[in-house]
Amino acid sequence: MFKLRVMKAFSIILVIFTLGYVPLTLGDVVTEGKSLTFDRKKGNCLACHAIEDGELAGNNGPPLIAMKARFPDREVLFNQIWDPTANNPNSYMPPFGKHGVITREEINKIIEYLYTL
């Protein structure tokens, strides 16, 4: 029985290394979220929002500070990024998710980063 468990564990490890799969840590997710947030082809949040460490920030949107306190319900923030026009048809903010600019996974990474602000 023990030998079988060891062989299963070894097989799983072998598959992980063969496929190059390495689980992301929360730090990795936050780093990717920050990169997406600052990326001019993806989130481009700096076009309208002031963000810590951001250069040439716009001022059409509110500064992105105290995000966890402002959006304690993660789903509300997700929906705001996905399609802000659902709650406010006159919003300046584009519906990034609805229009396929960023994916659900990318929005979740962005939120992890925003929750550090």
PDB file of N, CA and C in Angstrom:
ATOM      1  N   MET A   1       0.824  -1.194   0.000  1.00  0.00           N
ATOM      2  CA  MET A   1       0.000   0.000   0.000  1.00  0.00           C
ATOM      3  C   MET A   1       0.874   1.266   0.000  1.00  0.00           C
ATOM      4  N   PHE A   2       1.891   1.261   0.880  1.00  0.00           N
ATOM      5  CA  PHE A   2       2.783   2.414   0.956  1.00  0.00           C
ATOM      6  C   PHE A   2       3.496   2.632  -0.373  1.00  0.00           C
ATOM      7  N   LYS A   3       3.957   1.524  -0.962  1.00  0.00           N
ATOM      8  CA  LYS A   3       4.669   1.608  -2.233  1.00  0.00           C
ATOM      9  C   LYS A   3       3.768   2.199  -3.323  1.00  0.00           C
ATOM     10  N   LEU A   4       2.486   1.820  -3.319  1.00  0.00           N
ATOM     11  CA  LEU A   4       1.535   2.348  -4.293  1.00  0.00           C
ATOM     12  C   LEU A   4       1.355   3.857  -4.120  1.00  0.00           C
ATOM     13  N   ARG A   5       1.261   4.320  -2.874  1.00  0.00           N
ATOM     14  CA  ARG A   5       1.119   5.764  -2.611  1.00  0.00           C
ATOM     15  C   ARG A   5       2.348   6.533  -3.085  1.00  0.00           C
ATOM     16  N   VAL A   6       3.509   5.982  -2.819  1.00  0.00           N
ATOM     17  CA  VAL A   6       4.752   6.631  -3.235  1.00  0.00           C
ATOM     18  C   VAL A   6       4.804   6.721  -4.757  1.00  0.00           C
ATOM     19  N   MET A   7       4.413   5.646  -5.434  1.00  0.00           N
ATOM     20  CA  MET A   7       4.429   5.651  -6.893  1.00  0.00           C
ATOM     21  C   MET A   7       3.423   6.654  -7.449  1.00  0.00           C
ATOM     22  N   LYS A   8       2.241   6.781  -6.833  1.00  0.00           N
ATOM     23  CA  LYS A   8       1.250   7.770  -7.275  1.00  0.00           C
ATOM     24  C   LYS A   8       1.797   9.178  -7.084  1.00  0.00           C
ATOM     25  N   ALA A   9       2.384   9.435  -5.917  1.00  0.00           N
ATOM     26  CA  ALA A   9       2.948  10.761  -5.648  1.00  0.00           C
ATOM     27  C   ALA A   9       4.053  11.081  -6.643  1.00  0.00           C
ATOM     28  N   PHE A  10       4.918  10.097  -6.925  1.00  0.00           N
ATOM     29  CA  PHE A  10       5.988  10.301  -7.896  1.00  0.00           C
ATOM     30  C   PHE A  10       5.411  10.591  -9.275  1.00  0.00           C
ATOM     31  N   SER A  11       4.362   9.879  -9.665  1.00  0.00           N
ATOM     32  CA  SER A  11       3.731  10.100 -10.972  1.00  0.00           C
ATOM     33  C   SER A  11       3.175  11.507 -11.080  1.00  0.00           C
ATOM     34  N   ILE A  12       2.540  11.979 -10.019  1.00  0.00           N
ATOM     35  CA  ILE A  12       1.977  13.333 -10.012  1.00  0.00           C
ATOM     36  C   ILE A  12       3.097  14.358 -10.142  1.00  0.00           C
ATOM     37  N   ILE A  13       4.152  14.176  -9.392  1.00  0.00           N
ATOM     38  CA  ILE A  13       5.290  15.099  -9.458  1.00  0.00           C
ATOM     39  C   ILE A  13       5.901  15.090 -10.850  1.00  0.00           C
ATOM     40  N   LEU A  14       6.034  13.901 -11.443  1.00  0.00           N
ATOM     41  CA  LEU A  14       6.580  13.792 -12.788  1.00  0.00           C
ATOM     42  C   LEU A  14       5.717  14.528 -13.803  1.00  0.00           C
ATOM     43  N   VAL A  15       4.404  14.394 -13.687  1.00  0.00           N
ATOM     44  CA  VAL A  15       3.489  15.098 -14.599  1.00  0.00           C
ATOM     45  C   VAL A  15       3.630  16.599 -14.423  1.00  0.00           C
ATOM     46  N   ILE A  16       3.708  17.050 -13.187  1.00  0.00           N
ATOM     47  CA  ILE A  16       3.843  18.490 -12.919  1.00  0.00           C
ATOM     48  C   ILE A  16       5.106  19.037 -13.566  1.00  0.00           C
ATOM     49  N   PHE A  17       6.226  18.361 -13.380  1.00  0.00           N
ATOM     50  CA  PHE A  17       7.472  18.853 -13.967  1.00  0.00           C
ATOM     51  C   PHE A  17       7.488  18.708 -15.481  1.00  0.00           C
ATOM     52  N   THR A  18       6.893  17.657 -15.992  1.00  0.00           N
ATOM     53  CA  THR A  18       6.853  17.451 -17.432  1.00  0.00           C
ATOM     54  C   THR A  18       6.027  18.526 -18.119  1.00  0.00           C
ATOM     55  N   LEU A  19       4.886  18.866 -17.524  1.00  0.00           N
ATOM     56  CA  LEU A  19       4.014  19.868 -18.124  1.00  0.00           C
ATOM     57  C   LEU A  19       4.437  21.288 -17.792  1.00  0.00           C
ATOM     58  N   GLY A  20       5.368  21.422 -16.861  1.00  0.00           N
ATOM     59  CA  GLY A  20       5.820  22.753 -16.478  1.00  0.00           C
ATOM     60  C   GLY A  20       4.836  23.484 -15.595  1.00  0.00           C
ATOM     61  N   TYR A  21       3.936  22.755 -14.962  1.00  0.00           N
ATOM     62  CA  TYR A  21       2.927  23.377 -14.111  1.00  0.00           C
ATOM     63  C   TYR A  21       3.524  23.703 -12.756  1.00  0.00           C
ATOM     64  N   VAL A  22       3.461  24.954 -12.390  1.00  0.00           N
ATOM     65  CA  VAL A  22       3.887  25.381 -11.076  1.00  0.00           C
ATOM     66  C   VAL A  22       2.760  26.230 -10.507  1.00  0.00           C
ATOM     67  N   PRO A  23       2.187  25.814  -9.380  1.00  0.00           N
ATOM     68  CA  PRO A  23       1.079  26.589  -8.815  1.00  0.00           C
ATOM     69  C   PRO A  23       1.523  28.013  -8.480  1.00  0.00           C
ATOM     70  N   LEU A  24       0.649  28.977  -8.733  1.00  0.00           N
ATOM     71  CA  LEU A  24       0.956  30.370  -8.437  1.00  0.00           C
ATOM     72  C   LEU A  24       0.736  30.652  -6.958  1.00  0.00           C
ATOM     73  N   THR A  25       1.611  31.438  -6.394  1.00  0.00           N
ATOM     74  CA  THR A  25       1.408  31.901  -5.028  1.00  0.00           C
ATOM     75  C   THR A  25       0.578  33.179  -5.088  1.00  0.00           C
ATOM     76  N   LEU A  26       0.062  33.613  -3.952  1.00  0.00           N
ATOM     77  CA  LEU A  26      -0.705  34.857  -3.913  1.00  0.00           C
ATOM     78  C   LEU A  26       0.161  36.021  -4.386  1.00  0.00           C
ATOM     79  N   GLY A  27       1.444  35.992  -4.032  1.00  0.00           N
ATOM     80  CA  GLY A  27       2.360  37.049  -4.483  1.00  0.00           C
ATOM     81  C   GLY A  27       2.488  37.094  -5.996  1.00  0.00           C
ATOM     82  N   ASP A  28       2.524  35.912  -6.613  1.00  0.00           N
ATOM     83  CA  ASP A  28       2.590  35.845  -8.079  1.00  0.00           C
ATOM     84  C   ASP A  28       1.322  36.421  -8.706  1.00  0.00           C
ATOM     85  N   VAL A  29       0.183  36.089  -8.119  1.00  0.00           N
ATOM     86  CA  VAL A  29      -1.104  36.576  -8.631  1.00  0.00           C
ATOM     87  C   VAL A  29      -1.176  38.089  -8.512  1.00  0.00           C
ATOM     88  N   VAL A  30      -0.740  38.630  -7.375  1.00  0.00           N
ATOM     89  CA  VAL A  30      -0.739  40.086  -7.167  1.00  0.00           C
ATOM     90  C   VAL A  30       0.185  40.760  -8.173  1.00  0.00           C
ATOM     91  N   THR A  31       1.359  40.180  -8.404  1.00  0.00           N
ATOM     92  CA  THR A  31       2.304  40.739  -9.366  1.00  0.00           C
ATOM     93  C   THR A  31       1.706  40.744 -10.771  1.00  0.00           C
ATOM     94  N   GLU A  32       1.067  39.635 -11.154  1.00  0.00           N
ATOM     95  CA  GLU A  32       0.424  39.582 -12.473  1.00  0.00           C
ATOM     96  C   GLU A  32      -0.731  40.582 -12.551  1.00  0.00           C
ATOM     97  N   GLY A  33      -1.469  40.724 -11.453  1.00  0.00           N
ATOM     98  CA  GLY A  33      -2.573  41.686 -11.422  1.00  0.00           C
ATOM     99  C   GLY A  33      -2.089  43.115 -11.601  1.00  0.00           C
ATOM    100  N   LYS A  34      -0.977  43.446 -10.959  1.00  0.00           N
ATOM    101  CA  LYS A  34      -0.410  44.792 -11.112  1.00  0.00           C
ATOM    102  C   LYS A  34       0.031  45.003 -12.557  1.00  0.00           C
ATOM    103  N   SER A  35       0.661  44.003 -13.125  1.00  0.00           N
ATOM    104  CA  SER A  35       1.113  44.103 -14.516  1.00  0.00           C
ATOM    105  C   SER A  35      -0.073  44.329 -15.451  1.00  0.00           C
ATOM    106  N   LEU A  36      -1.163  43.598 -15.253  1.00  0.00           N
ATOM    107  CA  LEU A  36      -2.369  43.787 -16.070  1.00  0.00           C
ATOM    108  C   LEU A  36      -2.968  45.177 -15.869  1.00  0.00           C
ATOM    109  N   THR A  37      -2.958  45.638 -14.636  1.00  0.00           N
ATOM    110  CA  THR A  37      -3.524  46.947 -14.307  1.00  0.00           C
ATOM    111  C   THR A  37      -2.773  48.067 -15.026  1.00  0.00           C
ATOM    112  N   PHE A  38      -1.457  47.929 -15.114  1.00  0.00           N
ATOM    113  CA  PHE A  38      -0.629  48.969 -15.722  1.00  0.00           C
ATOM    114  C   PHE A  38      -0.450  48.787 -17.232  1.00  0.00           C
ATOM    115  N   ASP A  39      -0.834  47.633 -17.760  1.00  0.00           N
ATOM    116  CA  ASP A  39      -0.638  47.305 -19.171  1.00  0.00           C
ATOM    117  C   ASP A  39      -1.576  48.151 -20.043  1.00  0.00           C
ATOM    118  N   ARG A  40      -1.032  48.904 -20.953  1.00  0.00           N
ATOM    119  CA  ARG A  40      -1.832  49.788 -21.816  1.00  0.00           C
ATOM    120  C   ARG A  40      -2.719  49.011 -22.788  1.00  0.00           C
ATOM    121  N   LYS A  41      -2.413  47.730 -23.031  1.00  0.00           N
ATOM    122  CA  LYS A  41      -3.218  46.927 -23.948  1.00  0.00           C
ATOM    123  C   LYS A  41      -4.250  46.080 -23.219  1.00  0.00           C
ATOM    124  N   LYS A  42      -4.218  46.059 -21.916  1.00  0.00           N
ATOM    125  CA  LYS A  42      -5.151  45.234 -21.139  1.00  0.00           C
ATOM    126  C   LYS A  42      -6.003  46.158 -20.272  1.00  0.00           C
ATOM    127  N   GLY A  43      -5.700  46.194 -18.965  1.00  0.00           N
ATOM    128  CA  GLY A  43      -6.505  46.988 -18.046  1.00  0.00           C
ATOM    129  C   GLY A  43      -6.421  48.482 -18.309  1.00  0.00           C
ATOM    130  N   ASN A  44      -5.217  48.971 -18.524  1.00  0.00           N
ATOM    131  CA  ASN A  44      -4.988  50.388 -18.795  1.00  0.00           C
ATOM    132  C   ASN A  44      -5.667  51.289 -17.765  1.00  0.00           C
ATOM    133  N   CYS A  45      -5.674  50.842 -16.530  1.00  0.00           N
ATOM    134  CA  CYS A  45      -6.351  51.589 -15.462  1.00  0.00           C
ATOM    135  C   CYS A  45      -5.761  52.983 -15.273  1.00  0.00           C
ATOM    136  N   LEU A  46      -4.467  53.137 -15.563  1.00  0.00           N
ATOM    137  CA  LEU A  46      -3.815  54.442 -15.400  1.00  0.00           C
ATOM    138  C   LEU A  46      -4.353  55.502 -16.353  1.00  0.00           C
ATOM    139  N   ALA A  47      -5.036  55.099 -17.390  1.00  0.00           N
ATOM    140  CA  ALA A  47      -5.594  56.083 -18.313  1.00  0.00           C
ATOM    141  C   ALA A  47      -6.600  56.983 -17.598  1.00  0.00           C
ATOM    142  N   CYS A  48      -7.271  56.442 -16.576  1.00  0.00           N
ATOM    143  CA  CYS A  48      -8.318  57.209 -15.889  1.00  0.00           C
ATOM    144  C   CYS A  48      -8.131  57.318 -14.383  1.00  0.00           C
ATOM    145  N   HIS A  49      -7.321  56.441 -13.793  1.00  0.00           N
ATOM    146  CA  HIS A  49      -7.203  56.369 -12.330  1.00  0.00           C
ATOM    147  C   HIS A  49      -5.776  56.642 -11.863  1.00  0.00           C
ATOM    148  N   ALA A  50      -5.653  57.351 -10.738  1.00  0.00           N
ATOM    149  CA  ALA A  50      -4.367  57.476 -10.063  1.00  0.00           C
ATOM    150  C   ALA A  50      -4.156  56.199  -9.251  1.00  0.00           C
ATOM    151  N   ILE A  51      -2.958  55.620  -9.384  1.00  0.00           N
ATOM    152  CA  ILE A  51      -2.606  54.388  -8.692  1.00  0.00           C
ATOM    153  C   ILE A  51      -1.208  54.563  -8.119  1.00  0.00           C
ATOM    154  N   GLU A  52      -1.011  54.050  -6.918  1.00  0.00           N
ATOM    155  CA  GLU A  52       0.307  54.090  -6.309  1.00  0.00           C
ATOM    156  C   GLU A  52       1.331  53.500  -7.277  1.00  0.00           C
ATOM    157  N   ASP A  53       2.457  54.144  -7.442  1.00  0.00           N
ATOM    158  CA  ASP A  53       3.535  53.745  -8.356  1.00  0.00           C
ATOM    159  C   ASP A  53       3.215  54.001  -9.828  1.00  0.00           C
ATOM    160  N   GLY A  54       2.030  54.509 -10.134  1.00  0.00           N
ATOM    161  CA  GLY A  54       1.659  54.753 -11.520  1.00  0.00           C
ATOM    162  C   GLY A  54       2.152  56.103 -12.000  1.00  0.00           C
ATOM    163  N   GLU A  55       2.551  56.151 -13.253  1.00  0.00           N
ATOM    164  CA  GLU A  55       3.012  57.398 -13.856  1.00  0.00           C
ATOM    165  C   GLU A  55       2.012  57.856 -14.911  1.00  0.00           C
ATOM    166  N   LEU A  56       1.855  59.163 -15.049  1.00  0.00           N
ATOM    167  CA  LEU A  56       0.962  59.774 -16.031  1.00  0.00           C
ATOM    168  C   LEU A  56      -0.485  59.306 -15.872  1.00  0.00           C
ATOM    169  N   ALA A  57      -0.956  59.313 -14.646  1.00  0.00           N
ATOM    170  CA  ALA A  57      -2.314  58.847 -14.367  1.00  0.00           C
ATOM    171  C   ALA A  57      -3.350  59.854 -14.829  1.00  0.00           C
ATOM    172  N   GLY A  58      -4.487  59.341 -15.256  1.00  0.00           N
ATOM    173  CA  GLY A  58      -5.604  60.192 -15.633  1.00  0.00           C
ATOM    174  C   GLY A  58      -6.397  60.591 -14.405  1.00  0.00           C
ATOM    175  N   ASN A  59      -7.395  61.433 -14.609  1.00  0.00           N
ATOM    176  CA  ASN A  59      -8.201  61.871 -13.472  1.00  0.00           C
ATOM    177  C   ASN A  59      -9.704  61.785 -13.750  1.00  0.00           C
ATOM    178  N   ASN A  60     -10.123  61.026 -14.761  1.00  0.00           N
ATOM    179  CA  ASN A  60     -11.553  60.842 -15.024  1.00  0.00           C
ATOM    180  C   ASN A  60     -12.207  59.933 -13.994  1.00  0.00           C
ATOM    181  N   GLY A  61     -11.445  58.968 -13.482  1.00  0.00           N
ATOM    182  CA  GLY A  61     -11.962  58.029 -12.493  1.00  0.00           C
ATOM    183  C   GLY A  61     -11.376  58.337 -11.129  1.00  0.00           C
ATOM    184  N   PRO A  62     -11.972  57.787 -10.098  1.00  0.00           N
ATOM    185  CA  PRO A  62     -11.448  58.027  -8.744  1.00  0.00           C
ATOM    186  C   PRO A  62     -10.101  57.341  -8.554  1.00  0.00           C
ATOM    187  N   PRO A  63      -9.284  57.858  -7.635  1.00  0.00           N
ATOM    188  CA  PRO A  63      -8.011  57.191  -7.359  1.00  0.00           C
ATOM    189  C   PRO A  63      -8.276  55.788  -6.796  1.00  0.00           C
ATOM    190  N   LEU A  64      -7.430  54.854  -7.163  1.00  0.00           N
ATOM    191  CA  LEU A  64      -7.601  53.482  -6.696  1.00  0.00           C
ATOM    192  C   LEU A  64      -6.829  53.307  -5.393  1.00  0.00           C
ATOM    193  N   ILE A  65      -7.509  53.660  -4.306  1.00  0.00           N
ATOM    194  CA  ILE A  65      -6.948  53.546  -2.953  1.00  0.00           C
ATOM    195  C   ILE A  65      -8.002  52.909  -2.048  1.00  0.00           C
ATOM    196  N   ALA A  66      -7.539  52.283  -0.988  1.00  0.00           N
ATOM    197  CA  ALA A  66      -8.423  51.650   0.001  1.00  0.00           C
ATOM    198  C   ALA A  66      -9.490  50.782  -0.670  1.00  0.00           C
ATOM    199  N   MET A  67      -9.071  50.002  -1.627  1.00  0.00           N
ATOM    200  CA  MET A  67     -10.022  49.256  -2.450  1.00  0.00           C
ATOM    201  C   MET A  67     -10.790  48.187  -1.671  1.00  0.00           C
ATOM    202  N   LYS A  68     -10.141  47.522  -0.740  1.00  0.00           N
ATOM    203  CA  LYS A  68     -10.826  46.487   0.039  1.00  0.00           C
ATOM    204  C   LYS A  68     -11.888  47.112   0.935  1.00  0.00           C
ATOM    205  N   ALA A  69     -11.622  48.301   1.451  1.00  0.00           N
ATOM    206  CA  ALA A  69     -12.604  49.005   2.280  1.00  0.00           C
ATOM    207  C   ALA A  69     -13.746  49.552   1.419  1.00  0.00           C
ATOM    208  N   ARG A  70     -13.424  50.024   0.239  1.00  0.00           N
ATOM    209  CA  ARG A  70     -14.445  50.585  -0.658  1.00  0.00           C
ATOM    210  C   ARG A  70     -15.288  49.507  -1.321  1.00  0.00           C
ATOM    211  N   PHE A  71     -14.699  48.345  -1.555  1.00  0.00           N
ATOM    212  CA  PHE A  71     -15.392  47.231  -2.206  1.00  0.00           C
ATOM    213  C   PHE A  71     -15.217  45.957  -1.379  1.00  0.00           C
ATOM    214  N   PRO A  72     -15.843  45.894  -0.196  1.00  0.00           N
ATOM    215  CA  PRO A  72     -15.684  44.687   0.625  1.00  0.00           C
ATOM    216  C   PRO A  72     -16.307  43.453  -0.042  1.00  0.00           C
ATOM    217  N   ASP A  73     -17.292  43.665  -0.896  1.00  0.00           N
ATOM    218  CA  ASP A  73     -17.895  42.569  -1.647  1.00  0.00           C
ATOM    219  C   ASP A  73     -17.155  42.443  -2.970  1.00  0.00           C
ATOM    220  N   ARG A  74     -16.350  41.426  -3.070  1.00  0.00           N
ATOM    221  CA  ARG A  74     -15.508  41.211  -4.253  1.00  0.00           C
ATOM    222  C   ARG A  74     -16.325  41.165  -5.547  1.00  0.00           C
ATOM    223  N   GLU A  75     -17.519  40.606  -5.473  1.00  0.00           N
ATOM    224  CA  GLU A  75     -18.362  40.472  -6.671  1.00  0.00           C
ATOM    225  C   GLU A  75     -18.771  41.841  -7.220  1.00  0.00           C
ATOM    226  N   VAL A  76     -18.983  42.796  -6.345  1.00  0.00           N
ATOM    227  CA  VAL A  76     -19.342  44.153  -6.785  1.00  0.00           C
ATOM    228  C   VAL A  76     -18.190  44.759  -7.590  1.00  0.00           C
ATOM    229  N   LEU A  77     -16.969  44.603  -7.099  1.00  0.00           N
ATOM    230  CA  LEU A  77     -15.808  45.125  -7.825  1.00  0.00           C
ATOM    231  C   LEU A  77     -15.616  44.371  -9.139  1.00  0.00           C
ATOM    232  N   PHE A  78     -15.782  43.046  -9.102  1.00  0.00           N
ATOM    233  CA  PHE A  78     -15.668  42.255 -10.334  1.00  0.00           C
ATOM    234  C   PHE A  78     -16.649  42.777 -11.382  1.00  0.00           C
ATOM    235  N   ASN A  79     -17.905  42.968 -10.977  1.00  0.00           N
ATOM    236  CA  ASN A  79     -18.930  43.440 -11.915  1.00  0.00           C
ATOM    237  C   ASN A  79     -18.636  44.845 -12.422  1.00  0.00           C
ATOM    238  N   GLN A  80     -18.039  45.674 -11.586  1.00  0.00           N
ATOM    239  CA  GLN A  80     -17.678  47.030 -11.997  1.00  0.00           C
ATOM    240  C   GLN A  80     -16.634  47.000 -13.103  1.00  0.00           C
ATOM    241  N   ILE A  81     -15.704  46.070 -13.007  1.00  0.00           N
ATOM    242  CA  ILE A  81     -14.678  45.950 -14.042  1.00  0.00           C
ATOM    243  C   ILE A  81     -15.246  45.239 -15.272  1.00  0.00           C
ATOM    244  N   TRP A  82     -16.047  44.213 -15.053  1.00  0.00           N
ATOM    245  CA  TRP A  82     -16.623  43.430 -16.154  1.00  0.00           C
ATOM    246  C   TRP A  82     -17.493  44.304 -17.047  1.00  0.00           C
ATOM    247  N   ASP A  83     -18.458  45.025 -16.418  1.00  0.00           N
ATOM    248  CA  ASP A  83     -19.365  45.879 -17.198  1.00  0.00           C
ATOM    249  C   ASP A  83     -19.943  46.978 -16.322  1.00  0.00           C
ATOM    250  N   PRO A  84     -19.228  48.096 -16.180  1.00  0.00           N
ATOM    251  CA  PRO A  84     -19.713  49.193 -15.351  1.00  0.00           C
ATOM    252  C   PRO A  84     -20.985  49.837 -15.901  1.00  0.00           C
ATOM    253  N   THR A  85     -21.249  49.636 -17.181  1.00  0.00           N
ATOM    254  CA  THR A  85     -22.452  50.246 -17.766  1.00  0.00           C
ATOM    255  C   THR A  85     -23.729  49.535 -17.324  1.00  0.00           C
ATOM    256  N   ALA A  86     -23.611  48.374 -16.704  1.00  0.00           N
ATOM    257  CA  ALA A  86     -24.796  47.672 -16.193  1.00  0.00           C
ATOM    258  C   ALA A  86     -25.447  48.480 -15.075  1.00  0.00           C
ATOM    259  N   ASN A  87     -24.633  49.128 -14.230  1.00  0.00           N
ATOM    260  CA  ASN A  87     -25.155  49.965 -13.140  1.00  0.00           C
ATOM    261  C   ASN A  87     -25.272  51.429 -13.525  1.00  0.00           C
ATOM    262  N   ASN A  88     -24.444  51.848 -14.472  1.00  0.00           N
ATOM    263  CA  ASN A  88     -24.446  53.248 -14.884  1.00  0.00           C
ATOM    264  C   ASN A  88     -24.214  53.316 -16.396  1.00  0.00           C
ATOM    265  N   PRO A  89     -25.287  53.408 -17.171  1.00  0.00           N
ATOM    266  CA  PRO A  89     -25.150  53.430 -18.635  1.00  0.00           C
ATOM    267  C   PRO A  89     -24.285  54.575 -19.155  1.00  0.00           C
ATOM    268  N   ASN A  90     -24.094  55.615 -18.354  1.00  0.00           N
ATOM    269  CA  ASN A  90     -23.288  56.769 -18.769  1.00  0.00           C
ATOM    270  C   ASN A  90     -21.854  56.718 -18.253  1.00  0.00           C
ATOM    271  N   SER A  91     -21.427  55.567 -17.746  1.00  0.00           N
ATOM    272  CA  SER A  91     -20.085  55.428 -17.177  1.00  0.00           C
ATOM    273  C   SER A  91     -19.015  55.674 -18.247  1.00  0.00           C
ATOM    274  N   TYR A  92     -17.944  56.365 -17.834  1.00  0.00           N
ATOM    275  CA  TYR A  92     -16.789  56.541 -18.718  1.00  0.00           C
ATOM    276  C   TYR A  92     -16.005  55.239 -18.847  1.00  0.00           C
ATOM    277  N   MET A  93     -16.135  54.404 -17.833  1.00  0.00           N
ATOM    278  CA  MET A  93     -15.336  53.178 -17.787  1.00  0.00           C
ATOM    279  C   MET A  93     -15.842  52.169 -18.812  1.00  0.00           C
ATOM    280  N   PRO A  94     -14.944  51.668 -19.654  1.00  0.00           N
ATOM    281  CA  PRO A  94     -15.348  50.674 -20.655  1.00  0.00           C
ATOM    282  C   PRO A  94     -15.695  49.337 -19.999  1.00  0.00           C
ATOM    283  N   PRO A  95     -16.566  48.562 -20.611  1.00  0.00           N
ATOM    284  CA  PRO A  95     -16.878  47.222 -20.108  1.00  0.00           C
ATOM    285  C   PRO A  95     -15.794  46.232 -20.533  1.00  0.00           C
ATOM    286  N   PHE A  96     -14.695  46.235 -19.793  1.00  0.00           N
ATOM    287  CA  PHE A  96     -13.507  45.461 -20.165  1.00  0.00           C
ATOM    288  C   PHE A  96     -13.791  43.974 -20.356  1.00  0.00           C
ATOM    289  N   GLY A  97     -14.525  43.381 -19.422  1.00  0.00           N
ATOM    290  CA  GLY A  97     -14.807  41.952 -19.521  1.00  0.00           C
ATOM    291  C   GLY A  97     -15.841  41.647 -20.571  1.00  0.00           C
ATOM    292  N   LYS A  98     -16.910  42.395 -20.571  1.00  0.00           N
ATOM    293  CA  LYS A  98     -17.999  42.179 -21.521  1.00  0.00           C
ATOM    294  C   LYS A  98     -17.512  42.263 -22.967  1.00  0.00           C
ATOM    295  N   HIS A  99     -16.568  43.155 -23.217  1.00  0.00           N
ATOM    296  CA  HIS A  99     -16.044  43.330 -24.576  1.00  0.00           C
ATOM    297  C   HIS A  99     -14.820  42.459 -24.862  1.00  0.00           C
ATOM    298  N   GLY A 100     -14.438  41.609 -23.912  1.00  0.00           N
ATOM    299  CA  GLY A 100     -13.344  40.674 -24.145  1.00  0.00           C
ATOM    300  C   GLY A 100     -11.951  41.263 -24.103  1.00  0.00           C
ATOM    301  N   VAL A 101     -11.800  42.435 -23.525  1.00  0.00           N
ATOM    302  CA  VAL A 101     -10.469  43.038 -23.416  1.00  0.00           C
ATOM    303  C   VAL A 101      -9.645  42.266 -22.388  1.00  0.00           C
ATOM    304  N   ILE A 102     -10.280  41.898 -21.284  1.00  0.00           N
ATOM    305  CA  ILE A 102      -9.635  41.074 -20.264  1.00  0.00           C
ATOM    306  C   ILE A 102     -10.587  39.943 -19.875  1.00  0.00           C
ATOM    307  N   THR A 103     -10.005  38.836 -19.463  1.00  0.00           N
ATOM    308  CA  THR A 103     -10.773  37.647 -19.106  1.00  0.00           C
ATOM    309  C   THR A 103     -11.204  37.693 -17.648  1.00  0.00           C
ATOM    310  N   ARG A 104     -12.071  36.778 -17.280  1.00  0.00           N
ATOM    311  CA  ARG A 104     -12.487  36.645 -15.872  1.00  0.00           C
ATOM    312  C   ARG A 104     -11.277  36.386 -14.981  1.00  0.00           C
ATOM    313  N   GLU A 105     -10.396  35.508 -15.435  1.00  0.00           N
ATOM    314  CA  GLU A 105      -9.192  35.189 -14.665  1.00  0.00           C
ATOM    315  C   GLU A 105      -8.328  36.440 -14.481  1.00  0.00           C
ATOM    316  N   GLU A 106      -8.186  37.218 -15.533  1.00  0.00           N
ATOM    317  CA  GLU A 106      -7.378  38.443 -15.438  1.00  0.00           C
ATOM    318  C   GLU A 106      -8.035  39.455 -14.506  1.00  0.00           C
ATOM    319  N   ILE A 107      -9.346  39.569 -14.548  1.00  0.00           N
ATOM    320  CA  ILE A 107     -10.041  40.482 -13.633  1.00  0.00           C
ATOM    321  C   ILE A 107      -9.795  40.056 -12.196  1.00  0.00           C
ATOM    322  N   ASN A 108      -9.844  38.763 -11.928  1.00  0.00           N
ATOM    323  CA  ASN A 108      -9.593  38.282 -10.566  1.00  0.00           C
ATOM    324  C   ASN A 108      -8.174  38.588 -10.114  1.00  0.00           C
ATOM    325  N   LYS A 109      -7.210  38.508 -11.017  1.00  0.00           N
ATOM    326  CA  LYS A 109      -5.828  38.874 -10.674  1.00  0.00           C
ATOM    327  C   LYS A 109      -5.722  40.372 -10.412  1.00  0.00           C
ATOM    328  N   ILE A 110      -6.412  41.157 -11.214  1.00  0.00           N
ATOM    329  CA  ILE A 110      -6.419  42.611 -11.006  1.00  0.00           C
ATOM    330  C   ILE A 110      -7.012  42.937  -9.644  1.00  0.00           C
ATOM    331  N   ILE A 111      -8.091  42.265  -9.292  1.00  0.00           N
ATOM    332  CA  ILE A 111      -8.725  42.503  -7.990  1.00  0.00           C
ATOM    333  C   ILE A 111      -7.772  42.147  -6.854  1.00  0.00           C
ATOM    334  N   GLU A 112      -7.043  41.046  -6.979  1.00  0.00           N
ATOM    335  CA  GLU A 112      -6.065  40.689  -5.930  1.00  0.00           C
ATOM    336  C   GLU A 112      -5.053  41.822  -5.756  1.00  0.00           C
ATOM    337  N   TYR A 113      -4.609  42.396  -6.858  1.00  0.00           N
ATOM    338  CA  TYR A 113      -3.684  43.527  -6.763  1.00  0.00           C
ATOM    339  C   TYR A 113      -4.374  44.749  -6.152  1.00  0.00           C
ATOM    340  N   LEU A 114      -5.566  45.081  -6.633  1.00  0.00           N
ATOM    341  CA  LEU A 114      -6.275  46.254  -6.119  1.00  0.00           C
ATOM    342  C   LEU A 114      -6.538  46.146  -4.621  1.00  0.00           C
ATOM    343  N   TYR A 115      -6.749  44.944  -4.129  1.00  0.00           N
ATOM    344  CA  TYR A 115      -6.992  44.758  -2.696  1.00  0.00           C
ATOM    345  C   TYR A 115      -5.741  44.989  -1.863  1.00  0.00           C
ATOM    346  N   THR A 116      -4.579  45.142  -2.502  1.00  0.00           N
ATOM    347  CA  THR A 116      -3.372  45.487  -1.752  1.00  0.00           C
ATOM    348  C   THR A 116      -3.218  46.996  -1.624  1.00  0.00           C
ATOM    349  N   LEU A 117      -4.022  47.748  -2.366  1.00  0.00           N
ATOM    350  CA  LEU A 117      -3.920  49.223  -2.353  1.00  0.00           C
ATOM    351  C   LEU A 117      -4.710  49.795  -1.195  1.00  0.00           C
TER     352      LEU A 117
END
